[in-house]
Protein backbone atom coordinates (compact mmCIF):
# COMPACT_ATOMS: atom_id res chain seq x y z
CA MET A 1 0.00 0.00 0.00
CA ASN A 2 2.09 2.92 -1.25
CA GLN A 3 -0.50 5.66 -1.43
CA PRO A 4 0.68 9.29 -1.11
CA THR A 5 -0.60 10.91 2.06
CA ASP A 6 -1.89 14.47 2.35
CA HIS A 7 0.79 15.43 4.86
CA ALA A 8 3.55 14.13 2.56
CA ALA A 9 2.94 16.39 -0.44
CA ALA A 10 6.19 18.21 -1.24
CA ARG A 11 7.51 17.60 2.30
CA LYS A 12 11.26 17.23 2.75
CA VAL A 13 12.56 14.87 5.40
CA MET A 14 16.28 14.80 6.15
CA ILE A 15 17.60 11.65 7.80
CA ILE A 16 21.04 11.50 9.41
CA ASP A 17 22.11 7.96 10.28
CA ASP A 18 25.36 6.07 9.81
CA SER A 19 23.53 2.88 8.83
CA ASP A 20 23.11 2.69 5.07
CA LEU A 21 20.46 0.00 5.59
CA VAL A 22 18.37 2.31 7.80
CA LEU A 23 18.81 5.23 5.39
CA GLU A 24 17.79 3.17 2.37
CA SER A 25 14.82 1.43 3.98
CA THR A 26 13.49 4.64 5.54
CA ARG A 27 14.03 6.56 2.29
CA LEU A 28 12.10 3.95 0.31
CA MET A 29 9.23 3.92 2.83
CA LEU A 30 8.88 7.69 2.86
CA GLU A 31 9.36 8.24 -0.88
CA GLY A 32 6.65 5.64 -1.44
CA ARG A 33 4.35 7.95 0.51
CA GLY A 34 5.28 11.07 -1.43
CA PHE A 35 7.95 12.58 0.81
CA GLU A 36 11.16 13.99 -0.61
CA VAL A 37 13.99 12.41 1.38
CA ILE A 38 17.52 13.72 1.86
CA CYS A 39 19.93 11.24 3.44
CA ALA A 40 23.24 11.82 5.17
CA ASN A 41 25.30 8.89 6.45
CA THR A 42 27.51 11.11 8.58
CA PRO A 43 26.74 14.16 10.68
CA ILE A 44 29.85 15.89 9.34
CA GLY A 45 28.62 18.60 6.99
CA ALA A 46 24.97 17.68 7.52
CA SER A 47 24.09 21.14 8.83
CA LEU A 48 25.38 22.71 5.60
CA VAL A 49 23.25 20.29 3.58
CA ALA A 50 20.24 21.01 5.79
CA TYR A 51 20.72 24.76 5.39
CA ARG A 52 20.94 24.37 1.60
CA VAL A 53 17.94 22.04 1.12
CA ALA A 54 15.74 23.50 3.90
CA PRO A 55 14.03 20.29 5.06
CA ASP A 56 10.67 20.43 6.79
CA ILE A 57 11.90 18.01 9.46
CA ILE A 58 15.18 16.35 10.43
CA LEU A 59 15.56 12.86 11.92
CA ILE A 60 18.87 12.10 13.66
CA ASP A 61 20.06 8.74 14.99
CA LEU A 62 21.45 8.68 18.53
CA GLU A 63 24.30 6.26 18.03
CA MET A 64 26.67 7.17 15.25
CA ALA A 65 30.37 6.33 15.15
CA SER A 66 31.59 9.79 14.13
CA MET A 67 29.53 11.86 16.58
CA PRO A 68 26.74 11.14 19.07
CA GLY A 69 23.29 12.22 17.88
CA GLU A 70 22.83 14.45 20.90
CA ARG A 71 25.83 16.56 19.83
CA VAL A 72 24.46 16.81 16.30
CA VAL A 73 21.08 18.00 17.56
CA SER A 74 22.69 20.55 19.87
CA ALA A 75 24.77 21.90 16.98
CA PHE A 76 21.72 22.17 14.74
CA LYS A 77 19.65 23.93 17.37
CA ALA A 78 22.48 26.39 18.08
CA LYS A 79 22.18 27.76 14.54
CA GLN A 80 19.61 30.53 14.13
CA GLN A 81 18.57 29.40 10.64
CA MET A 82 17.81 25.88 11.95
CA ARG A 83 15.75 26.74 15.02
CA ASP A 84 12.36 26.61 13.28
CA ILE A 85 12.96 23.17 11.74
CA PRO A 86 11.77 20.29 13.95
CA VAL A 87 14.79 18.15 14.80
CA LEU A 88 13.89 14.74 16.19
CA ILE A 89 15.89 11.88 17.65
CA TYR A 90 15.24 8.82 15.44
CA SER A 91 16.43 5.68 17.19
CA ALA A 92 15.59 2.11 18.16
CA GLN A 93 16.40 2.85 21.82
CA PRO A 94 13.60 2.52 24.42
CA ALA A 95 11.16 5.44 24.56
CA GLN A 96 12.34 6.48 28.03
CA ARG A 97 15.94 6.82 26.76
CA LEU A 98 14.76 8.74 23.69
CA ARG A 99 12.66 11.13 25.75
CA ALA A 100 15.61 11.84 28.08
CA ALA A 101 18.04 12.29 25.18
CA ALA A 102 15.67 14.66 23.38
CA ALA A 103 15.22 16.76 26.50
CA SER A 104 18.94 16.91 27.28
CA CYS A 105 20.09 18.02 23.82
CA GLY A 106 17.26 20.35 22.82
CA ALA A 107 15.60 18.08 20.25
CA ASP A 108 11.97 18.88 19.55
CA GLY A 109 11.07 15.26 20.28
CA TYR A 110 11.72 11.74 19.11
CA ILE A 111 10.40 9.01 16.85
CA GLU A 112 11.13 5.35 17.46
CA LYS A 113 12.59 3.56 14.44
CA THR A 114 10.07 1.30 12.80
CA SER A 115 9.61 -0.75 9.67
CA ASP A 116 5.89 0.10 9.71
CA VAL A 117 5.43 2.87 7.14
CA ASP A 118 2.01 3.88 8.49
CA GLN A 119 3.41 4.27 12.00
CA LEU A 120 6.35 6.33 10.71
CA CYS A 121 4.15 8.60 8.59
CA ASP A 122 1.71 9.11 11.48
CA ALA A 123 4.61 10.06 13.77
CA LEU A 124 5.98 12.51 11.19
CA ALA A 125 2.53 14.05 10.72
CA ARG A 126 2.44 14.95 14.43
CA TRP A 127 5.61 17.02 13.99
CA LEU A 128 5.16 18.53 10.54
CA PRO A 129 3.41 21.86 10.17
CA PRO A 130 0.21 21.73 8.08
CA PRO A 131 0.89 21.76 4.33
CA LEU A 132 0.53 25.03 2.47
CA VAL A 133 -2.45 25.02 0.17
C-alpha cells in the first residue's frame, strides 16, 4: 500500500544515520508515501546540507560512530537558521531513553525507528506543520 498521504505532499525529510540500511529502507518507505527524502550517512557537513535544502523536518540517529546524535542536535539547534525546523531523535532505543536524550540536547522530540510505514508517517505528521495550500 504505497499511497501518497496528504501530509507528505512536497515535504522534505532529512535523515542522518550512519547505517546505510536504515537510510535506504526509511528513504524507500517515505518516498513511497510522497515525501522527498535527503539522506546523510555522517553528521559531518549535515548542517550545511540542511541549510541548503531547507528540510521540513530532520531525523537524527542517537548512536553514530563519528559523533553522538545528541551533539548533532545541539549543533543544529544552536544555529539561528535551523531553530524553526523540527529536529527529532530517530532511534531504536527505548522510549524512556529517547525522551531523556531529546530533553537533554534540545531536540523537539523523538520518533522510534520502525519498519511500519504507516506508523512512521503518522509520527511525522504529528511534527510537521500543516501543508501550504
